[in-house]
N, C-alpha and C. Protein backbone atom coordinates (compact mmCIF):
# COMPACT_ATOMS: atom_id res chain seq x y z
N MET A 1 -3.02 20.67 34.84
CA MET A 1 -3.99 20.04 33.85
C MET A 1 -3.21 19.86 32.44
N GLN A 2 -2.59 21.16 32.21
CA GLN A 2 -1.67 21.11 30.95
C GLN A 2 -0.65 20.00 30.86
N GLY A 3 -0.04 19.39 31.78
CA GLY A 3 0.53 18.26 31.54
C GLY A 3 -0.12 17.16 31.30
N LEU A 4 -1.31 16.79 31.78
CA LEU A 4 -2.07 15.76 31.36
C LEU A 4 -2.69 15.81 29.93
N GLU A 5 -3.05 16.88 29.40
CA GLU A 5 -3.37 17.37 28.28
C GLU A 5 -2.20 16.97 27.10
N GLU A 6 -1.06 17.37 27.67
CA GLU A 6 0.31 16.99 26.83
C GLU A 6 0.60 15.36 26.68
N VAL A 7 0.24 14.80 27.98
CA VAL A 7 0.38 13.31 27.85
C VAL A 7 -0.72 12.63 26.90
N ASN A 8 -2.03 13.18 27.15
CA ASN A 8 -3.08 12.58 26.19
C ASN A 8 -2.69 12.92 24.56
N LEU A 9 -2.13 14.01 24.45
CA LEU A 9 -1.86 14.20 23.19
C LEU A 9 -0.52 13.23 22.63
N LEU A 10 0.39 13.12 23.55
CA LEU A 10 1.23 12.39 23.07
C LEU A 10 0.99 10.99 22.98
N LYS A 11 0.11 10.23 23.81
CA LYS A 11 -0.67 9.04 23.57
C LYS A 11 -1.54 8.89 22.23
N THR A 12 -2.14 9.95 21.97
CA THR A 12 -2.83 9.83 20.69
C THR A 12 -1.84 9.75 19.37
N MET A 13 -0.73 10.62 19.69
CA MET A 13 0.07 10.81 18.77
C MET A 13 0.83 9.30 18.41
N MET A 14 1.26 8.63 19.30
CA MET A 14 1.91 7.34 19.41
C MET A 14 1.11 6.22 18.83
N SER A 15 -0.25 6.50 19.31
CA SER A 15 -1.23 5.49 18.94
C SER A 15 -1.34 5.42 17.27
N GLU A 16 -1.60 6.70 16.73
CA GLU A 16 -1.84 6.84 15.34
C GLU A 16 -0.39 6.38 14.59
N ALA A 17 0.67 6.83 15.29
CA ALA A 17 2.03 6.02 14.59
C ALA A 17 2.12 4.68 14.63
N ILE A 18 1.80 3.73 15.59
CA ILE A 18 1.82 2.65 15.76
C ILE A 18 0.81 2.02 14.66
N LYS A 19 -0.50 2.60 14.52
CA LYS A 19 -1.38 1.80 13.55
C LYS A 19 -0.82 2.12 12.21
N GLU A 20 -0.42 3.20 11.94
CA GLU A 20 0.29 3.39 10.46
C GLU A 20 1.55 2.28 10.22
N ILE A 21 2.37 2.21 11.22
CA ILE A 21 3.40 1.24 11.07
C ILE A 21 2.93 -0.13 10.95
N VAL A 22 1.89 -0.69 11.68
CA VAL A 22 1.56 -1.92 11.65
C VAL A 22 0.65 -2.25 10.20
N THR A 23 0.02 -1.04 9.66
CA THR A 23 -0.54 -1.26 8.30
C THR A 23 0.36 -1.11 7.35
N ASP A 24 1.24 -0.41 7.38
CA ASP A 24 2.64 -0.47 6.39
C ASP A 24 3.23 -1.88 6.47
N TYR A 25 3.36 -2.47 7.64
CA TYR A 25 3.99 -4.02 7.79
C TYR A 25 3.05 -4.93 7.06
N LYS A 26 1.66 -4.65 7.44
CA LYS A 26 0.92 -5.72 6.65
C LYS A 26 1.01 -5.61 5.18
N ILE A 27 0.88 -4.50 4.72
CA ILE A 27 1.07 -4.28 3.34
C ILE A 27 2.27 -5.00 2.68
N ALA A 28 3.28 -4.50 3.47
CA ALA A 28 4.74 -4.62 2.77
C ALA A 28 5.10 -6.33 2.93
N SER A 29 4.45 -6.93 3.85
CA SER A 29 4.64 -8.46 4.08
C SER A 29 3.76 -9.32 3.19
N LYS A 30 2.87 -8.70 2.51
CA LYS A 30 1.92 -9.56 1.67
C LYS A 30 2.36 -9.83 0.21
N GLU A 31 2.09 -11.17 -0.36
CA GLU A 31 2.75 -11.63 -1.70
C GLU A 31 1.66 -11.11 -2.61
N TRP A 32 0.37 -11.07 -2.24
CA TRP A 32 -0.59 -10.81 -3.19
C TRP A 32 -1.29 -9.43 -2.73
N PHE A 33 -1.65 -8.56 -3.46
CA PHE A 33 -2.40 -7.28 -3.28
C PHE A 33 -3.60 -6.94 -3.96
N SER A 34 -4.48 -6.29 -3.10
CA SER A 34 -5.95 -5.77 -3.98
C SER A 34 -5.23 -4.72 -4.54
N LEU A 35 -6.11 -4.14 -5.58
CA LEU A 35 -5.62 -3.03 -6.43
C LEU A 35 -5.24 -1.78 -5.47
N LYS A 36 -6.05 -1.52 -4.58
CA LYS A 36 -5.77 -0.52 -3.60
C LYS A 36 -4.51 -0.78 -2.67
N GLU A 37 -4.30 -1.88 -2.29
CA GLU A 37 -3.25 -2.42 -1.61
C GLU A 37 -2.01 -2.13 -2.52
N ALA A 38 -2.10 -2.28 -3.72
CA ALA A 38 -0.93 -2.54 -4.72
C ALA A 38 -0.58 -0.85 -5.13
N ALA A 39 -1.36 -0.16 -5.28
CA ALA A 39 -1.18 1.12 -5.38
C ALA A 39 -0.73 1.79 -4.09
N GLU A 40 -0.86 1.58 -2.93
CA GLU A 40 -0.28 1.80 -1.53
C GLU A 40 1.02 1.42 -1.54
N TYR A 41 1.32 0.38 -1.94
CA TYR A 41 2.59 -0.59 -1.93
C TYR A 41 3.77 0.17 -2.90
N ILE A 42 3.27 0.85 -3.80
CA ILE A 42 4.26 1.61 -4.88
C ILE A 42 3.80 3.19 -4.81
N GLY A 43 3.09 3.68 -3.92
CA GLY A 43 2.93 4.70 -3.59
C GLY A 43 2.11 5.65 -4.71
N VAL A 44 1.36 5.08 -5.41
CA VAL A 44 0.52 5.95 -6.54
C VAL A 44 -0.85 5.79 -6.22
N SER A 45 -1.62 6.47 -6.94
CA SER A 45 -3.18 6.34 -6.94
C SER A 45 -3.74 5.01 -7.62
N VAL A 46 -4.93 4.72 -7.31
CA VAL A 46 -5.65 3.56 -8.02
C VAL A 46 -5.63 3.91 -9.73
N ASN A 47 -5.83 5.32 -9.73
CA ASN A 47 -6.04 5.56 -11.36
C ASN A 47 -4.68 5.29 -11.80
N THR A 48 -3.43 5.94 -11.27
CA THR A 48 -2.12 5.54 -11.82
C THR A 48 -1.91 3.93 -12.15
N LEU A 49 -2.37 3.21 -11.33
CA LEU A 49 -2.34 1.69 -11.17
C LEU A 49 -2.98 1.22 -12.41
N ALA A 50 -4.22 1.96 -12.57
CA ALA A 50 -5.02 1.58 -13.88
C ALA A 50 -4.28 1.79 -15.06
N LYS A 51 -3.47 2.91 -15.24
CA LYS A 51 -2.62 3.21 -16.44
C LYS A 51 -1.58 2.24 -16.48
N TYR A 52 -0.97 1.76 -15.33
CA TYR A 52 0.02 0.82 -15.39
C TYR A 52 -0.40 -0.44 -15.93
N ARG A 53 -1.67 -0.75 -15.70
CA ARG A 53 -2.29 -1.89 -16.39
C ARG A 53 -2.32 -2.05 -17.78
N VAL A 54 -2.49 -0.71 -18.48
CA VAL A 54 -2.82 -0.39 -19.81
C VAL A 54 -1.15 -0.69 -20.26
N MET A 55 -0.24 -0.31 -19.50
CA MET A 55 1.27 -0.35 -19.85
C MET A 55 1.71 -1.71 -19.74
N GLY A 56 0.93 -2.61 -19.16
CA GLY A 56 1.48 -4.06 -19.16
C GLY A 56 1.35 -4.63 -17.85
N LEU A 57 1.05 -3.97 -16.70
CA LEU A 57 1.15 -4.48 -15.29
C LEU A 57 0.16 -5.59 -15.28
N LYS A 58 0.35 -6.96 -15.06
CA LYS A 58 -0.35 -7.94 -15.17
C LYS A 58 -1.15 -8.15 -13.82
N VAL A 59 -2.55 -8.25 -14.00
CA VAL A 59 -3.52 -8.33 -12.74
C VAL A 59 -4.23 -9.69 -12.95
N SER A 60 -4.34 -10.51 -12.10
CA SER A 60 -5.08 -11.61 -12.00
C SER A 60 -6.52 -11.38 -11.54
N VAL A 61 -7.54 -11.80 -12.08
CA VAL A 61 -8.76 -11.69 -11.95
C VAL A 61 -9.55 -12.77 -11.97
N ILE A 62 -10.04 -13.38 -10.65
CA ILE A 62 -10.73 -14.61 -10.49
C ILE A 62 -12.04 -14.31 -9.87
N GLU A 63 -12.99 -14.70 -10.69
CA GLU A 63 -14.48 -14.37 -10.27
C GLU A 63 -14.58 -13.00 -9.84
N GLY A 64 -14.13 -11.90 -10.67
CA GLY A 64 -14.24 -10.65 -10.42
C GLY A 64 -13.50 -9.95 -9.25
N VAL A 65 -12.51 -10.81 -8.84
CA VAL A 65 -11.80 -10.28 -7.74
C VAL A 65 -10.33 -10.35 -8.35
N SER A 66 -9.71 -9.02 -8.12
CA SER A 66 -8.51 -8.73 -8.89
C SER A 66 -7.44 -8.58 -7.88
N ARG A 67 -6.32 -9.10 -8.27
CA ARG A 67 -5.05 -9.30 -7.25
C ARG A 67 -3.93 -9.09 -7.98
N VAL A 68 -2.96 -8.41 -7.55
CA VAL A 68 -1.51 -8.23 -8.18
C VAL A 68 -0.47 -8.54 -7.34
N SER A 69 0.38 -9.66 -7.90
CA SER A 69 1.37 -9.98 -6.94
C SER A 69 2.51 -9.14 -6.84
N ARG A 70 3.28 -9.29 -5.65
CA ARG A 70 4.22 -8.43 -5.45
C ARG A 70 5.66 -8.66 -6.56
N LYS A 71 5.67 -9.93 -6.88
CA LYS A 71 6.81 -10.16 -7.96
C LYS A 71 6.51 -9.45 -9.24
N GLU A 72 5.24 -9.40 -9.66
CA GLU A 72 4.72 -8.71 -10.72
C GLU A 72 5.01 -7.10 -10.79
N ILE A 73 4.47 -6.54 -9.55
CA ILE A 73 4.75 -5.34 -9.37
C ILE A 73 6.16 -4.84 -9.46
N ASP A 74 7.12 -5.66 -8.82
CA ASP A 74 8.51 -5.13 -8.77
C ASP A 74 8.99 -5.44 -10.18
N ARG A 75 8.65 -6.83 -11.01
CA ARG A 75 9.15 -6.77 -12.30
C ARG A 75 8.66 -5.58 -13.25
N PHE A 76 7.44 -5.12 -13.12
CA PHE A 76 6.98 -3.98 -13.93
C PHE A 76 7.61 -2.69 -13.71
N LEU A 77 7.97 -2.42 -12.55
CA LEU A 77 8.66 -1.30 -12.03
C LEU A 77 10.23 -1.25 -12.64
N GLU A 78 10.92 -2.56 -12.58
CA GLU A 78 12.13 -2.55 -13.02
C GLU A 78 12.14 -2.49 -14.52
N THR A 79 11.21 -3.06 -14.92
CA THR A 79 11.13 -2.96 -16.51
C THR A 79 10.90 -1.44 -17.11
N HIS A 80 10.18 -0.76 -16.21
CA HIS A 80 9.87 0.66 -16.89
C HIS A 80 10.69 1.52 -16.06
N SER A 81 11.67 1.30 -15.37
CA SER A 81 12.48 2.46 -14.71
C SER A 81 13.72 2.37 -15.67
N ASN A 82 14.30 3.93 -15.54
CA ASN A 82 15.35 4.05 -16.30
C ASN A 82 16.58 3.73 -15.83
């Protein structure tokens, strides 16, 4: 039975890893992000992203829906990196 438990654990771990890879790919391949996705894309919290908005990160808001372009995020990071 121990061998079966190890196989099931391995399957679970592989499944979780695949889900994470797919999620990362979906985010990385997008041109426009929600605020949450934008924060995930650059590895910061949504609160930090809000601070970046104050610092000049441009966010498009259409009928209450906020989106940030990949190009804008990259431009902002390049502008504010040392």
